[in-house]
Amino acid sequence: TVYGESGITLYENQNYDSNDSYHCVITGNKIYGNRLYVPWFDAPCKITDGNGIIIDQSINGGYKAKILIAFNIVVNNGGAGILSYHSENVDIINNTAYQNQQSAEINDGEIVVNRSNKINIYNNILYSSASKKINSNYKNTKINYDYNLHFGGTGAEITGAHVINEDPVFLKPANDLQEADFGLSTKSPALSKGVKISSVLDQKAFEESTDNPDIGAVQSPVAGAVNADKTKKTANKR
């Protein structure tokens, strides 16, 4: 396509009502292999997007409610794993982004915020290919970023006091999610190193059962940070 598509796209969201709670929820997905091979039709006429998940220009639509992106595994996409572009009020929580940015033209990061405002990014694993960025930071305001894990890549433009820079030690990482297992081994530095989300957000995002969740999308039986079935049912109600 010439229109810059991605795996999951929310574009120019508009308000249904004046409630500022979560109105858009993207949870519990496995997203891989989305990639563009046809340049964007207009200037600068090059390969764009092909992201796993993108929240695209919600500011243009005047959207004021919150968006939750949580417990998704995004792997081997052409663009970023998760991208907020010209959007606001997005919470990106407990996702695993592994070796995205497969398009040669794209090098912005595994989880990217661009021209965005009021973005919370906690408990995510960002695992980048050796030649690609971990993340980037361009014309953003009010970004809260911490308790994430970075591995690989050429560097990160956003970090936090509790960010871990180590191999997450997945059980079986792979670019094909039919074969991969992104659960954490018993040696993983991400085990029980996340932050309890209700302690850092002003709104309850999902059910929590521990003060020490794992970093990443797949929670170990010990952490048990979220009732995944309950989260998926919430998303499916839309």
Protein backbone atom coordinates (compact mmCIF):
# COMPACT_ATOMS: atom_id res chain seq x y z
CA THR A 1 0.00 0.00 0.00
CA VAL A 2 1.05 3.62 -0.54
CA TYR A 3 -0.82 4.81 2.57
CA GLY A 4 1.60 4.01 5.41
CA GLU A 5 -0.38 1.28 7.18
CA SER A 6 0.55 -0.60 10.37
CA GLY A 7 -0.58 -3.69 12.26
CA ILE A 8 -3.01 -1.83 14.56
CA THR A 9 -3.76 1.85 13.90
CA LEU A 10 -5.89 4.35 15.79
CA TYR A 11 -6.11 7.47 13.61
CA GLU A 12 -7.44 10.92 14.52
CA ASN A 13 -9.58 9.67 17.41
CA GLN A 14 -12.57 11.78 18.38
CA ASN A 15 -14.41 12.12 21.69
CA TYR A 16 -17.51 10.01 22.32
CA ASP A 17 -18.19 11.83 25.59
CA SER A 18 -16.43 14.07 28.10
CA ASN A 19 -15.20 11.23 30.35
CA ASP A 20 -11.39 11.16 30.54
CA SER A 21 -11.06 7.43 31.32
CA TYR A 22 -9.71 4.73 28.98
CA HIS A 23 -11.86 4.78 25.84
CA CYS A 24 -9.43 2.94 23.57
CA VAL A 25 -7.75 -0.25 24.82
CA ILE A 26 -5.21 -2.38 22.93
CA THR A 27 -4.20 -5.36 25.07
CA GLY A 28 -3.02 -8.95 24.82
CA ASN A 29 -2.07 -9.00 21.13
CA LYS A 30 0.77 -10.71 19.29
CA ILE A 31 1.75 -8.53 16.33
CA TYR A 32 4.57 -9.43 13.97
CA GLY A 33 5.77 -9.21 10.38
CA ASN A 34 3.88 -6.05 9.36
CA ARG A 35 6.05 -4.19 6.89
CA LEU A 36 5.70 -1.75 4.00
CA TYR A 37 7.45 -2.27 0.67
CA VAL A 38 5.80 0.59 -1.23
CA PRO A 39 6.84 4.23 -0.57
CA TRP A 40 4.40 6.73 0.96
CA PHE A 41 2.53 8.35 -1.95
CA ASP A 42 3.36 11.97 -1.07
CA ALA A 43 6.52 13.84 -0.06
CA PRO A 44 9.02 12.66 1.02
CA CYS A 45 8.01 9.58 -1.01
CA LYS A 46 9.80 6.94 1.06
CA ILE A 47 9.01 3.89 3.16
CA THR A 48 7.19 4.91 6.36
CA ASP A 49 5.28 3.15 9.14
CA GLY A 50 4.73 -0.60 9.05
CA ASN A 51 4.60 -0.33 12.85
CA GLY A 52 3.21 -2.96 15.17
CA ILE A 53 0.89 -0.43 16.88
CA ILE A 54 0.49 3.27 16.14
CA ILE A 55 -1.61 5.95 17.81
CA ASP A 56 -1.69 8.43 14.98
CA GLN A 57 -2.60 12.12 15.30
CA SER A 58 -5.21 11.89 18.05
CA ILE A 59 -4.50 15.57 18.74
CA ASN A 60 -5.87 16.40 15.28
CA GLY A 61 -9.16 14.73 16.19
CA GLY A 62 -9.36 16.59 19.50
CA TYR A 63 -9.39 13.35 21.49
CA LYS A 64 -9.04 13.98 25.26
CA ALA A 65 -9.73 10.59 26.86
CA LYS A 66 -7.01 8.03 27.64
CA ILE A 67 -5.58 5.22 25.53
CA LEU A 68 -4.14 2.04 27.06
CA ILE A 69 -1.59 -0.16 25.26
CA ALA A 70 -0.68 -3.06 27.53
CA PHE A 71 0.60 -6.66 27.50
CA ASN A 72 1.23 -6.78 23.74
CA ILE A 73 4.11 -8.63 22.07
CA VAL A 74 5.31 -6.76 18.97
CA VAL A 75 8.04 -8.45 16.96
CA ASN A 76 9.83 -8.09 13.62
CA ASN A 77 7.71 -5.28 12.21
CA GLY A 78 9.07 -2.91 9.60
CA GLY A 79 8.57 0.25 11.67
CA ALA A 80 8.52 0.78 15.41
CA GLY A 81 7.00 -1.78 17.72
CA ILE A 82 4.77 0.89 19.29
CA LEU A 83 4.53 4.52 18.13
CA SER A 84 2.65 7.52 19.47
CA TYR A 85 2.67 10.22 16.80
CA HIS A 86 1.16 13.68 17.44
CA SER A 87 -1.05 12.18 20.14
CA GLU A 88 -1.63 12.52 23.86
CA ASN A 89 -2.92 10.72 26.96
CA VAL A 90 -1.40 7.36 26.02
CA ASP A 91 -0.29 4.78 28.61
CA ILE A 92 2.18 2.21 27.24
CA ILE A 93 2.50 -0.46 29.91
CA ASN A 94 4.08 -3.94 30.13
CA ASN A 95 4.72 -4.56 26.43
CA THR A 96 7.53 -6.54 24.80
CA ALA A 97 9.01 -4.96 21.66
CA TYR A 98 11.60 -7.22 20.00
CA GLN A 99 13.70 -6.44 16.92
CA ASN A 100 11.28 -4.22 15.07
CA GLN A 101 12.48 -1.49 12.63
CA GLN A 102 13.18 -4.11 9.95
CA SER A 103 12.75 -1.58 7.14
CA ALA A 104 16.18 -0.16 6.27
CA GLU A 105 14.73 3.36 6.05
CA ILE A 106 13.40 3.36 9.63
CA ASN A 107 15.53 3.89 12.74
CA ASP A 108 13.49 5.59 15.46
CA GLY A 109 13.22 2.98 18.19
CA GLU A 110 11.28 0.01 19.49
CA ILE A 111 8.83 2.23 21.41
CA VAL A 112 8.69 5.74 19.97
CA VAL A 113 7.02 8.99 21.04
CA ASN A 114 7.02 11.74 18.42
CA ARG A 115 5.33 15.15 18.83
CA SER A 116 3.28 13.73 21.68
CA ASN A 117 2.10 14.89 25.09
CA LYS A 118 1.20 13.23 28.42
CA ILE A 119 2.61 9.79 27.67
CA ASN A 120 3.33 7.20 30.38
CA ILE A 121 5.77 4.40 29.50
CA TYR A 122 6.42 1.82 32.21
CA ASN A 123 7.43 -1.85 32.54
CA ASN A 124 8.26 -2.44 28.86
CA ILE A 125 11.04 -4.50 27.28
CA LEU A 126 12.74 -2.77 24.34
CA TYR A 127 15.07 -5.22 22.58
CA SER A 128 16.61 -3.67 19.48
CA SER A 129 18.74 -4.96 16.64
CA ALA A 130 22.40 -3.96 16.90
CA SER A 131 22.21 -1.14 14.33
CA LYS A 132 18.91 0.41 15.47
CA LYS A 133 17.90 2.83 18.23
CA ILE A 134 16.23 1.72 21.43
CA ASN A 135 13.96 4.78 21.45
CA SER A 136 13.86 8.41 20.35
CA ASN A 137 12.46 11.67 21.70
CA TYR A 138 11.30 14.37 19.27
CA LYS A 139 9.26 17.43 20.25
CA ASN A 140 7.49 15.71 23.14
CA THR A 141 6.15 17.12 26.42
CA LYS A 142 5.26 15.45 29.74
CA ILE A 143 6.78 12.03 29.09
CA ASN A 144 6.97 9.73 32.14
CA TYR A 145 9.41 6.92 31.38
CA ASP A 146 10.84 4.41 33.86
CA TYR A 147 11.11 0.77 34.97
CA ASN A 148 11.74 -0.34 31.40
CA LEU A 149 14.43 -2.73 30.16
CA HIS A 150 16.73 -1.85 27.25
CA PHE A 151 18.90 -4.31 25.34
CA GLY A 152 20.87 -4.12 22.11
CA GLY A 153 20.71 -1.16 19.79
CA THR A 154 22.74 2.01 19.39
CA GLY A 155 21.40 3.92 22.37
CA ALA A 156 18.31 5.46 23.96
CA GLU A 157 17.25 9.11 23.95
CA ILE A 158 14.84 8.55 26.87
CA THR A 159 15.70 6.70 30.05
CA GLY A 160 14.81 6.64 33.75
CA ALA A 161 16.33 6.07 37.17
CA HIS A 162 15.13 2.46 37.30
CA VAL A 163 15.77 1.44 33.68
CA ILE A 164 17.66 -1.87 33.34
CA ASN A 165 20.24 -2.27 30.56
CA GLU A 166 20.63 -6.03 30.37
CA ASP A 167 19.60 -9.06 28.32
CA PRO A 168 16.04 -9.96 29.40
CA VAL A 169 16.85 -13.67 28.89
CA PHE A 170 13.68 -14.78 27.14
CA LEU A 171 12.79 -18.46 27.08
CA LYS A 172 12.86 -18.65 23.28
CA PRO A 173 13.15 -15.37 21.37
CA ALA A 174 12.42 -15.53 17.64
CA ASN A 175 11.13 -13.28 14.88
CA ASP A 176 8.33 -15.76 14.10
CA LEU A 177 5.79 -15.68 16.92
CA GLN A 178 4.55 -19.13 15.93
CA GLU A 179 7.87 -20.43 17.26
CA ALA A 180 8.84 -17.88 19.93
CA ASP A 181 8.28 -17.85 23.67
CA PHE A 182 8.80 -14.40 25.20
CA GLY A 183 8.34 -15.61 28.72
CA LEU A 184 11.19 -14.79 31.12
CA SER A 185 13.69 -17.41 32.24
CA THR A 186 14.50 -17.80 35.92
CA LYS A 187 17.73 -15.85 35.24
CA SER A 188 16.01 -12.81 33.78
CA PRO A 189 16.81 -9.40 35.34
CA ALA A 190 13.25 -8.34 34.46
CA LEU A 191 11.65 -10.65 37.03
CA SER A 192 9.81 -8.66 39.73
CA LYS A 193 11.59 -5.44 38.69
CA GLY A 194 8.58 -3.53 37.38
CA VAL A 195 6.60 -0.88 39.19
CA LYS A 196 3.04 -1.36 40.43
CA ILE A 197 1.14 0.66 37.85
CA SER A 198 -1.53 1.93 40.22
CA SER A 199 1.25 3.63 42.18
CA VAL A 200 2.42 5.77 39.23
CA LEU A 201 -0.78 6.45 37.26
CA ASP A 202 -3.73 8.54 38.37
CA GLN A 203 -6.13 5.93 37.04
CA LYS A 204 -6.49 2.17 37.48
CA ALA A 205 -5.38 0.49 34.27
CA PHE A 206 -6.04 -3.19 35.10
CA GLU A 207 -6.25 -5.66 37.98
CA GLU A 208 -2.97 -6.09 39.87
CA SER A 209 -2.08 -8.79 42.36
CA THR A 210 1.48 -7.88 43.34
CA ASP A 211 3.59 -4.87 44.21
CA ASN A 212 6.48 -6.25 42.12
CA PRO A 213 5.36 -7.16 38.59
CA ASP A 214 7.74 -8.39 35.93
CA ILE A 215 8.90 -6.06 33.17
CA GLY A 216 7.49 -7.07 29.78
CA ALA A 217 4.28 -8.50 28.37
CA VAL A 218 4.54 -12.04 29.73
CA GLN A 219 4.25 -12.29 33.49
CA SER A 220 5.78 -15.21 35.38
CA PRO A 221 3.58 -17.27 37.73
CA VAL A 222 5.46 -15.72 40.65
CA ALA A 223 4.67 -12.14 39.61
CA GLY A 224 1.10 -12.73 38.44
CA ALA A 225 0.76 -8.98 37.91
CA VAL A 226 -2.41 -9.04 35.86
CA ASN A 227 -5.49 -11.13 35.28
CA ALA A 228 -4.90 -11.50 31.54
CA ASP A 229 -8.33 -12.97 30.82
CA LYS A 230 -10.00 -10.00 32.50
CA THR A 231 -7.85 -7.57 30.49
CA LYS A 232 -8.71 -9.25 27.19
CA LYS A 233 -12.42 -9.26 27.97
CA THR A 234 -12.24 -5.53 28.62
CA ALA A 235 -10.65 -4.98 25.23
CA ASN A 236 -13.11 -7.25 23.42
CA LYS A 237 -16.10 -5.29 24.71
CA ARG A 238 -15.24 -2.65 22.13
